[in-house]
Protein backbone atom coordinates (compact mmCIF):
# COMPACT_ATOMS: atom_id res chain seq x y z
CA MET A 1 -28.78 -22.61 -13.37
CA ASN A 2 -31.35 -25.28 -14.17
CA GLN A 3 -33.72 -25.03 -11.20
CA VAL A 4 -34.67 -28.74 -11.21
CA VAL A 5 -31.00 -29.77 -11.09
CA LYS A 6 -30.35 -27.13 -8.43
CA ALA A 7 -33.10 -28.54 -6.19
CA LYS A 8 -31.70 -32.07 -6.54
CA TRP A 9 -28.14 -30.88 -5.85
CA VAL A 10 -29.12 -28.89 -2.77
CA ALA A 11 -31.14 -31.83 -1.45
CA ALA A 12 -28.24 -34.24 -2.07
CA LEU A 13 -25.77 -31.97 -0.26
CA ARG A 14 -28.10 -31.76 2.74
CA SER A 15 -29.07 -35.45 2.71
CA GLY A 16 -26.14 -36.83 4.67
CA GLU A 17 -25.71 -39.47 1.96
CA TYR A 18 -22.42 -37.94 0.80
CA LYS A 19 -19.35 -37.38 2.93
CA GLN A 20 -17.37 -34.26 2.09
CA THR A 21 -13.78 -34.56 0.91
CA THR A 22 -11.34 -32.19 -0.79
CA GLY A 23 -8.87 -32.16 -3.65
CA GLN A 24 -10.83 -34.21 -6.19
CA LEU A 25 -14.37 -34.70 -7.38
CA LYS A 26 -14.48 -38.13 -5.76
CA LYS A 27 -12.25 -40.16 -3.48
CA THR A 28 -12.75 -43.41 -1.64
CA GLU A 29 -13.80 -41.48 1.45
CA GLY A 30 -16.21 -39.05 -0.20
CA HIS A 31 -16.98 -36.31 -2.71
CA CYS A 32 -16.46 -32.61 -3.12
CA CYS A 33 -19.60 -30.55 -3.72
CA LEU A 34 -19.04 -30.68 -7.50
CA GLY A 35 -18.53 -34.45 -7.30
CA VAL A 36 -22.01 -34.72 -5.79
CA LEU A 37 -23.34 -32.85 -8.84
CA CYS A 38 -21.50 -35.35 -11.06
CA GLU A 39 -23.12 -38.26 -9.20
CA LEU A 40 -26.55 -36.75 -9.89
CA HIS A 41 -25.63 -36.38 -13.57
CA LEU A 42 -24.53 -40.02 -13.71
CA LYS A 43 -27.83 -41.20 -12.19
CA GLU A 44 -29.72 -39.44 -14.98
CA HIS A 45 -27.16 -40.22 -17.70
CA PRO A 46 -25.86 -43.77 -17.10
CA GLU A 47 -24.43 -43.76 -20.64
CA SER A 48 -21.91 -41.13 -19.51
CA LYS A 49 -18.30 -42.16 -19.09
CA GLY A 50 -18.70 -41.31 -15.40
CA PHE A 51 -15.87 -41.34 -12.88
CA HIS A 52 -12.62 -42.96 -13.97
CA TYR A 53 -8.85 -42.86 -13.67
CA PRO A 54 -7.37 -41.46 -16.90
CA ASP A 55 -4.16 -42.86 -18.33
CA GLY A 56 -1.11 -40.94 -17.21
CA LEU A 57 -2.80 -39.28 -14.21
CA GLU A 58 -2.15 -41.75 -11.43
CA GLY A 59 -4.52 -41.40 -8.48
CA VAL A 60 -6.60 -38.66 -10.13
CA VAL A 61 -10.31 -39.23 -10.63
CA VAL A 62 -12.04 -37.35 -13.44
CA TYR A 63 -15.61 -37.37 -14.66
CA GLY A 64 -16.49 -37.78 -18.33
CA ASN A 65 -13.93 -36.69 -20.87
CA SER A 66 -12.80 -33.58 -19.05
CA PRO A 67 -9.51 -33.35 -17.16
CA GLY A 68 -10.84 -30.19 -15.47
CA MET A 69 -12.88 -29.89 -12.31
CA LEU A 70 -16.30 -30.15 -13.90
CA ALA A 71 -16.97 -31.84 -17.22
CA ASP A 72 -18.65 -29.75 -19.90
CA GLU A 73 -21.48 -32.29 -20.14
CA VAL A 74 -22.27 -31.79 -16.44
CA ARG A 75 -21.94 -28.02 -16.69
CA ARG A 76 -24.38 -27.90 -19.65
CA TRP A 77 -26.85 -30.27 -17.97
CA ALA A 78 -26.81 -28.21 -14.78
CA GLY A 79 -26.95 -24.89 -16.63
CA LEU A 80 -23.76 -23.54 -15.06
CA ASP A 81 -21.57 -21.04 -16.89
CA ASP A 82 -18.57 -22.06 -14.78
CA ASP A 83 -17.86 -24.21 -11.72
CA GLY A 84 -20.41 -22.20 -9.74
CA LYS A 85 -19.34 -18.82 -8.42
CA VAL A 86 -21.07 -17.42 -5.35
CA MET A 87 -20.55 -14.45 -3.07
CA PHE A 88 -18.93 -15.53 0.19
CA GLU A 89 -17.58 -13.16 2.82
CA GLY A 90 -17.64 -10.21 0.42
CA SER A 91 -16.08 -11.71 -2.69
CA LYS A 92 -16.90 -14.15 -5.52
CA LYS A 93 -15.63 -17.66 -4.89
CA ASP A 94 -15.75 -20.86 -6.94
CA LEU A 95 -17.60 -23.66 -5.17
CA TRP A 96 -14.52 -25.89 -5.42
CA THR A 97 -12.51 -23.20 -3.60
CA LEU A 98 -15.08 -23.09 -0.80
CA ASN A 99 -15.16 -26.87 -0.65
CA ASP A 100 -11.37 -27.29 -0.54
CA SER A 101 -10.19 -24.38 1.59
CA PRO A 102 -10.03 -25.21 5.32
CA SER A 103 -10.32 -21.54 6.24
CA LEU A 104 -13.40 -20.94 4.07
CA ASN A 105 -15.23 -24.28 3.99
CA PRO A 106 -18.83 -23.82 5.14
CA GLY A 107 -19.52 -27.57 4.83
CA PHE A 108 -22.05 -29.19 2.54
CA SER A 109 -25.01 -27.56 4.30
CA GLY A 110 -23.46 -24.09 3.99
CA ILE A 111 -22.58 -24.72 0.35
CA ALA A 112 -26.17 -25.88 -0.25
CA ASP A 113 -27.43 -22.62 1.29
CA LEU A 114 -25.18 -20.60 -1.05
CA ILE A 115 -26.29 -22.56 -4.13
CA GLU A 116 -29.93 -22.22 -3.15
CA ALA A 117 -29.70 -18.47 -2.61
CA GLN A 118 -27.40 -17.48 -5.46
CA LEU A 119 -27.47 -19.88 -8.38
């Protein structure tokens, strides 16, 4: 992972500026951990398509041109091979899984610790 982007992401997750939510990158009430990464990308790349509601996907927010969890442009910028896989409780987990699973969710500060230590 790009270490400069990683430092910014970890700081943003710990900052208290973003409220954690689940199910989508961004909702009215907050962001998932990957949505925070997208916000950082948008700050540095205002020309990006950013967050939007694509035609035919009512109520779903996507970032860029990707209908998936993390747009390729964000993944490349951050230097991630995937949506961020870390070891958690003995097995590899995607960051979105940790963010969205009530039984696993370590919160933004715990996710920041995992990113800092493993990516």
